[in-house]
Protein backbone atom coordinates (compact mmCIF):
# COMPACT_ATOMS: atom_id res chain seq x y z
CA MET A 1 73.41 139.58 122.44
CA GLN A 2 70.06 138.46 123.58
CA ILE A 3 67.93 135.77 121.57
CA ASP A 4 64.20 135.41 122.33
CA LYS A 5 63.52 131.73 123.40
CA ASN A 6 60.36 132.01 121.18
CA ILE A 7 61.52 131.75 117.53
CA HIS A 8 58.20 133.39 116.34
CA ARG A 9 59.21 136.60 118.06
CA ALA A 10 63.14 136.11 117.92
CA PHE A 11 65.69 138.43 116.09
CA THR A 12 68.83 136.85 114.82
CA LEU A 13 72.51 137.78 116.19
CA PRO A 14 73.43 141.49 115.31
CA GLY A 15 75.81 142.04 112.27
CA HIS A 16 78.37 143.33 114.42
CA PHE A 17 78.76 139.89 116.00
CA TYR A 18 80.14 138.65 112.63
CA ARG A 19 82.25 141.58 111.91
CA ASP A 20 83.59 143.09 115.36
CA LYS A 21 87.17 141.90 116.36
CA GLY A 22 86.35 142.72 119.79
CA VAL A 23 83.44 140.35 120.06
CA PHE A 24 85.56 137.52 118.22
CA ASP A 25 88.12 137.88 121.11
CA GLU A 26 85.34 137.36 123.71
CA VAL A 27 84.10 134.42 121.60
CA LYS A 28 87.50 132.67 122.06
CA GLU A 29 87.47 132.60 125.72
CA LYS A 30 83.66 132.11 126.45
CA ILE A 31 82.89 129.70 123.69
CA PHE A 32 85.83 127.94 122.18
CA ALA A 33 87.87 127.71 125.45
CA ALA A 34 84.73 126.34 127.21
CA THR A 35 83.72 123.52 124.70
CA TRP A 36 84.78 120.51 122.98
CA HIS A 37 86.85 120.11 119.87
CA TYR A 38 88.09 117.50 117.64
CA VAL A 39 91.82 116.99 117.71
CA ALA A 40 92.81 113.83 115.78
CA ASP A 41 92.00 110.21 115.06
CA ALA A 42 92.65 107.87 117.91
CA ASP A 43 95.39 106.08 116.11
CA VAL A 44 97.84 108.81 116.39
CA VAL A 45 98.42 107.50 120.01
CA LYS A 46 97.70 103.85 119.25
CA ASN A 47 100.34 102.17 121.37
CA PRO A 48 101.48 102.53 125.25
CA GLY A 49 104.17 105.34 125.16
CA ASP A 50 102.99 107.04 122.05
CA VAL A 51 102.70 110.96 121.98
CA TYR A 52 101.13 113.40 119.68
CA PRO A 53 101.94 117.07 120.08
CA PHE A 54 99.48 119.58 118.79
CA THR A 55 98.28 123.27 119.16
CA LEU A 56 94.54 123.60 119.87
CA LEU A 57 92.83 126.11 117.55
CA GLU A 58 96.12 127.61 116.19
CA GLY A 59 95.85 131.39 115.86
CA VAL A 60 92.74 131.50 118.07
CA LEU A 61 93.38 129.65 121.49
CA ASP A 62 97.07 128.81 120.51
CA GLU A 63 97.37 126.22 123.49
CA PRO A 64 100.29 123.67 123.20
CA LEU A 65 99.02 120.27 124.22
CA VAL A 66 100.16 116.79 123.88
CA LEU A 67 98.21 113.55 123.66
CA VAL A 68 99.61 110.54 125.62
CA ARG A 69 99.01 106.85 125.62
CA ASP A 70 100.59 105.75 129.01
CA ARG A 71 101.92 102.21 129.91
CA GLU A 72 98.37 101.13 131.00
CA SER A 73 97.01 102.37 127.63
CA THR A 74 94.94 105.16 129.31
CA LEU A 75 94.49 108.14 126.99
CA ARG A 76 95.63 111.50 128.53
CA CYS A 77 95.94 115.03 127.30
CA LEU A 78 98.47 117.18 128.92
CA SER A 79 99.81 120.69 128.69
CA ASN A 80 103.00 120.64 126.41
CA VAL A 81 104.73 123.56 128.31
CA CYS A 82 107.50 122.71 130.76
CA THR A 83 106.69 123.99 134.22
CA HIS A 84 110.18 125.14 134.85
CA ARG A 85 110.79 127.88 131.96
CA GLY A 86 107.98 127.27 129.58
CA LYS A 87 109.51 125.46 126.77
CA VAL A 88 107.58 123.11 124.46
CA ILE A 89 108.40 119.75 125.57
CA VAL A 90 107.25 117.33 122.78
CA GLU A 91 108.05 118.79 119.52
CA GLN A 92 107.32 115.63 117.21
CA PRO A 93 104.91 112.62 117.41
CA GLY A 94 106.57 109.54 118.48
CA ASN A 95 107.13 107.06 121.25
CA ALA A 96 108.18 108.65 124.64
CA ARG A 97 108.39 105.21 126.38
CA LEU A 98 108.52 105.89 130.12
CA MET A 99 108.42 109.84 130.39
CA LEU A 100 108.43 113.09 128.85
CA ARG A 101 111.80 114.98 128.85
CA CYS A 102 112.22 118.79 128.28
CA GLY A 103 115.10 119.42 125.91
CA TYR A 104 115.91 122.79 127.70
CA HIS A 105 117.24 121.82 131.12
CA GLY A 106 116.23 118.11 131.51
CA ARG A 107 113.05 118.34 133.62
CA CYS A 108 111.30 115.12 133.22
CA PHE A 109 107.64 114.17 133.57
CA ARG A 110 105.86 110.72 133.95
CA LEU A 111 103.31 110.04 131.28
CA ASP A 112 100.59 111.01 133.50
CA GLY A 113 101.98 114.57 133.80
CA SER A 114 103.48 114.16 137.28
CA PHE A 115 106.82 115.55 138.05
CA LYS A 116 109.67 113.02 137.84
CA SER A 117 112.97 114.64 138.19
CA MET A 118 115.10 117.74 137.52
CA PRO A 119 118.83 118.27 137.64
CA GLU A 120 120.45 120.81 139.95
CA PHE A 121 117.46 121.17 142.06
CA GLY A 122 118.50 119.46 145.22
CA GLN A 123 118.74 122.63 147.21
CA ALA A 124 115.60 124.09 146.19
CA GLU A 125 113.22 124.45 149.13
CA GLY A 126 109.68 123.37 149.01
CA PHE A 127 110.23 121.54 145.70
CA PRO A 128 108.72 119.80 144.02
CA THR A 129 104.89 120.76 144.50
CA ALA A 130 101.76 120.18 142.44
CA ALA A 131 102.50 123.18 140.45
CA ASP A 132 105.50 121.32 139.19
CA ASP A 133 103.38 118.65 137.43
CA LEU A 134 101.98 119.10 134.00
CA PRO A 135 98.28 120.27 133.87
CA GLN A 136 95.90 117.43 132.59
CA VAL A 137 93.35 118.64 130.10
CA HIS A 138 89.85 117.06 129.57
CA VAL A 139 89.92 114.51 127.00
CA ARG A 140 87.44 111.79 125.45
CA GLU A 141 87.60 109.04 122.88
CA TRP A 142 84.67 108.48 120.67
CA LEU A 143 84.08 106.83 117.12
CA GLY A 144 87.74 106.32 117.05
CA MET A 145 88.54 110.09 117.29
CA ILE A 146 89.80 112.17 120.16
CA PHE A 147 88.12 115.36 121.58
CA VAL A 148 89.51 117.72 124.03
CA SER A 149 88.31 120.79 126.22
CA LEU A 150 90.30 123.30 128.12
CA ASN A 151 87.57 124.34 130.71
CA PRO A 152 84.29 122.44 129.60
CA THR A 153 81.01 123.89 130.71
CA PHE A 154 79.08 120.69 129.72
CA GLU A 155 79.94 117.00 129.78
CA PHE A 156 80.93 115.49 126.37
CA GLU A 157 78.61 112.55 126.86
CA GLU A 158 75.71 114.94 127.66
CA ALA A 159 76.12 116.57 124.28
CA THR A 160 76.71 113.52 122.20
CA ARG A 161 74.02 111.61 123.70
CA PRO A 162 71.48 112.42 121.08
CA ILE A 163 73.82 111.30 118.39
CA ARG A 164 74.68 108.18 120.08
CA GLU A 165 70.90 107.07 120.56
CA ARG A 166 70.13 107.84 116.97
CA THR A 167 72.99 106.09 115.24
CA GLY A 168 73.50 103.37 117.82
CA PHE A 169 72.51 100.64 115.43
CA LEU A 170 75.18 101.62 112.99
CA PRO A 171 78.64 99.58 112.83
CA MET A 172 80.66 102.71 114.22
CA ASP A 173 83.49 100.27 115.28
CA THR A 174 84.13 99.63 111.56
CA LEU A 175 84.58 103.01 110.55
CA CYS A 176 87.62 103.52 108.60
CA PHE A 177 89.38 106.98 107.34
CA GLU A 178 88.69 107.51 103.57
CA PRO A 179 91.39 109.83 102.19
CA GLN A 180 89.24 110.54 98.95
CA GLY A 181 86.73 112.53 100.81
CA THR A 182 89.21 114.61 103.12
CA GLN A 183 90.15 117.98 102.07
CA ASP A 184 90.65 121.48 103.73
CA TYR A 185 89.01 124.66 102.49
CA ILE A 186 89.44 128.23 103.38
CA VAL A 187 86.54 130.47 103.52
CA GLN A 188 86.69 134.09 103.58
CA ALA A 189 83.91 134.59 106.25
CA ASN A 190 83.33 134.57 109.85
CA TRP A 191 83.10 130.96 111.33
CA ALA A 192 79.52 131.40 112.70
CA LEU A 193 78.54 132.36 109.20
CA TYR A 194 79.23 128.97 107.92
CA CYS A 195 77.51 127.34 110.79
CA ASP A 196 74.37 129.38 110.21
CA ASN A 197 74.42 128.12 106.57
CA PHE A 198 74.92 124.58 107.55
CA LEU A 199 72.07 124.78 110.37
CA GLU A 200 69.18 125.17 107.95
CA GLY A 201 67.85 123.41 104.89
CA PHE A 202 65.89 126.51 103.61
CA HIS A 203 68.73 127.58 101.15
CA ILE A 204 68.85 123.97 99.55
CA PRO A 205 66.49 124.62 96.73
CA PHE A 206 67.92 127.82 95.95
CA VAL A 207 71.79 127.05 96.43
CA HIS A 208 72.23 123.19 95.86
CA PRO A 209 70.26 121.97 92.76
CA ALA A 210 71.81 118.56 92.73
CA LEU A 211 71.32 118.10 96.45
CA ASN A 212 67.72 119.23 96.01
CA GLU A 213 67.06 116.45 93.60
CA ALA A 214 68.42 113.73 96.04
CA LEU A 215 66.11 115.03 98.99
CA ASP A 216 62.43 115.16 99.30
CA PHE A 217 62.49 118.72 100.49
CA GLY A 218 58.86 118.62 101.58
CA GLN A 219 59.83 116.30 104.45
CA TYR A 220 62.85 117.84 105.62
CA ASP A 221 62.86 117.99 109.35
CA TYR A 222 64.67 119.24 112.58
CA ALA A 223 65.34 117.97 116.12
CA LEU A 224 66.85 120.08 118.84
CA PHE A 225 68.74 119.01 121.92
CA ARG A 226 70.59 120.93 124.53
CA TYR A 227 74.02 121.35 122.87
CA CYS A 228 73.51 119.78 119.49
CA ASN A 229 70.80 119.57 116.76
CA LEU A 230 69.80 117.40 113.88
CA GLN A 231 68.54 117.90 110.31
CA ILE A 232 66.85 114.97 108.96
CA GLY A 233 67.11 114.56 105.06
CA ILE A 234 64.61 112.34 103.49
CA ALA A 235 65.63 110.54 100.24
CA ASP A 236 63.69 111.00 97.16
CA GLU A 237 62.67 108.19 94.85
CA GLY A 238 65.57 105.97 93.82
CA GLN A 239 68.09 107.68 96.10
CA PRO A 240 70.16 105.56 98.69
CA HIS A 241 68.91 105.58 102.11
CA PHE A 242 69.48 103.68 105.62
CA ASP A 243 67.84 100.35 106.35
CA LEU A 244 66.41 101.23 109.70
CA PRO A 245 65.57 98.75 112.66
CA ALA A 246 62.08 98.87 113.97
CA ASP A 247 63.27 100.57 117.38
CA GLN A 248 64.93 103.46 115.59
CA PRO A 249 63.16 106.92 116.16
CA ASP A 250 62.88 107.59 112.35
CA PHE A 251 61.69 103.79 111.45
CA GLY A 252 59.67 104.09 108.34
CA LYS A 253 61.26 107.09 106.81
CA LYS A 254 63.67 106.82 103.85
CA ILE A 255 66.61 108.59 105.67
CA TYR A 256 69.19 110.19 103.15
CA ALA A 257 71.31 111.47 105.83
CA TRP A 258 71.44 112.73 109.38
CA TYR A 259 73.14 116.20 109.63
CA PHE A 260 74.28 116.57 113.23
CA TRP A 261 75.80 119.62 114.68
CA LEU A 262 77.72 119.85 117.91
CA PHE A 263 78.02 123.23 119.56
CA PRO A 264 79.94 125.31 118.54
CA ASN A 265 81.61 124.20 115.51
CA LEU A 266 81.51 120.58 114.54
CA MET A 267 79.28 118.61 111.96
CA LEU A 268 78.59 114.95 111.85
CA ASN A 269 76.97 113.93 108.69
CA PHE A 270 75.87 110.16 108.63
CA TYR A 271 75.13 108.41 105.43
CA PRO A 272 74.60 105.00 104.48
CA TRP A 273 78.18 104.61 103.36
CA GLY A 274 79.73 106.34 106.52
CA LEU A 275 80.35 109.56 108.21
CA SER A 276 81.41 112.92 106.81
CA LEU A 277 83.03 114.96 109.66
CA ASN A 278 83.22 118.79 109.13
CA ILE A 279 85.46 120.92 111.52
CA ILE A 280 84.90 124.59 111.43
CA GLU A 281 88.10 126.37 112.72
CA PRO A 282 88.18 130.08 112.97
CA LEU A 283 91.58 131.61 111.86
CA ASN A 284 90.35 135.26 112.67
CA HIS A 285 87.08 137.07 112.92
CA GLU A 286 86.69 137.16 109.13
CA ARG A 287 88.45 133.85 107.92
CA THR A 288 87.75 130.21 108.48
CA ARG A 289 89.22 126.86 107.68
CA VAL A 290 86.72 124.01 107.02
CA ARG A 291 88.23 120.59 107.47
CA PHE A 292 86.34 117.69 105.60
CA ARG A 293 87.30 114.27 106.80
CA SER A 294 85.46 111.19 105.64
CA TYR A 295 85.00 107.75 107.41
CA ARG A 296 83.56 104.67 105.58
CA PHE A 297 81.84 101.80 107.10
CA GLU A 298 83.63 98.35 106.37
CA ASN A 299 82.40 96.78 103.05
CA GLN A 300 80.43 99.94 102.07
CA PRO A 301 81.83 101.70 98.97
CA PHE A 302 82.41 105.57 99.16
CA ASN A 303 80.36 107.23 96.60
CA ARG A 304 81.35 110.95 96.02
CA SER A 305 79.31 111.18 93.12
CA VAL A 306 76.06 110.37 95.12
CA ASN A 307 76.82 112.76 97.77
CA GLN A 308 78.15 115.63 96.01
CA LEU A 309 80.28 116.66 98.91
CA GLU A 310 82.84 119.04 97.09
CA LYS A 311 80.30 120.47 94.87
CA THR A 312 77.95 121.25 97.80
CA GLU A 313 80.91 122.65 99.60
CA LEU A 314 81.81 125.09 96.99
CA GLU A 315 78.13 126.15 96.67
CA ASP A 316 78.01 126.82 100.28
CA GLU A 317 81.39 128.72 100.26
CA ALA A 318 80.17 131.05 97.74
CA VAL A 319 76.92 132.11 99.33
CA VAL A 320 78.58 132.27 102.84
CA GLU A 321 81.15 134.68 101.47
CA SER A 322 78.60 136.70 99.87
CA VAL A 323 76.97 136.97 103.32
CA GLN A 324 80.19 137.95 104.60
CA ARG A 325 80.41 140.92 102.20
CA GLY A 326 76.77 141.82 102.89
CA ILE A 327 77.04 142.19 106.70
CA GLN A 328 79.60 144.79 106.41
CA SER A 329 76.92 147.20 105.32
CA ARG A 330 75.99 149.88 107.78
CA PHE A 331 72.30 149.24 106.88
CA TYR A 332 72.28 145.64 107.98
CA LEU A 333 71.25 145.26 111.71
CA ARG A 334 69.82 141.86 112.26
CA GLY A 335 67.16 139.44 110.70
CA ARG A 336 64.31 137.27 111.66
CA PHE A 337 64.00 133.34 111.67
CA SER A 338 61.58 131.28 109.66
CA PRO A 339 59.94 129.49 112.33
CA THR A 340 59.75 126.28 110.30
CA MET A 341 63.05 126.17 108.70
CA GLU A 342 65.47 128.13 110.87
CA LYS A 343 65.11 126.31 114.03
CA GLY A 344 68.67 125.12 114.04
CA VAL A 345 70.06 128.66 113.38
CA HIS A 346 67.87 129.92 116.32
CA HIS A 347 69.19 127.20 118.58
CA PHE A 348 72.76 128.15 117.73
CA HIS A 349 72.16 131.90 118.09
CA GLY A 350 70.59 131.19 121.54
CA LEU A 351 73.61 129.23 122.73
CA VAL A 352 75.93 131.76 121.43
CA ALA A 353 74.11 134.45 123.49
CA ASP A 354 74.01 132.35 126.72
CA PHE A 355 77.68 131.64 126.55
CA LEU A 356 78.58 135.32 125.94
CA LYS A 357 76.48 136.52 128.80
């Protein structure tokens, strides 16, 4: 799993990376347990005392966690497993008021996760200790969304800084959830194949005829950062585009969309109307859930016909599933990168190789 840093010499990840279950088991711990993941919109824990239980990457990491908004309105993410006998504590979203209480033997925890009380433990020696508290999990709130990491190898702020800098002029505080652009898709392919496809515009003229008409493909561009990268789509004549301020890095260009990708599996696509969030969730080594969530800027109409979100997604799924079938071949070993059009894929493969070392 070594990727040459020089794209002109580099080979792609080998075919067995995508088809080998043993490799996928390694990816779980070395990549997904060590990076940041979208969980939910922040309004699931809007008020003090609100709790929101969830399982992080169900079927992959399978970690029971709970989001908590404490009495001081501080957001926390805690282990949702009782430190007594391992029962899941919070079973349903709601408001826990002052504490979390396990329904098995009555062990109670404060909203910061610290142990509060436990029946029939008065004679226990050396009790309680820090081991009786609920472990806290790294959590961040951004764009009205919540992100968590079990054991982050990089800071969330470091990874998202290029996105903040590029889009800082946009009215992010007005983003509102748009149900019309929200849907889940099941793709019969390895999660990384879906990311590979997203990370290059090389295929657009061949796979997405409608999108190709909206973009000036000759000016398609890329920007690489440490833990994220960007594809810059330039609008063709007559297509909607951003009105950029003079201090914006892309000032003077008719930006149709910024397609950001955050390692390992999150896409943030910014359009003049708002944000399309794509969460790529592996279900196993050959099956993936793609979650589309749309957020519209206040007073901006959501226009599916312009952005062709669903049509483009189905076209992507068809080609990715075809690649999934192709890489089963005993004759496929690994490929090469286009130095001009596959910079994002090379960046992704390099990160995967680094994390798996």
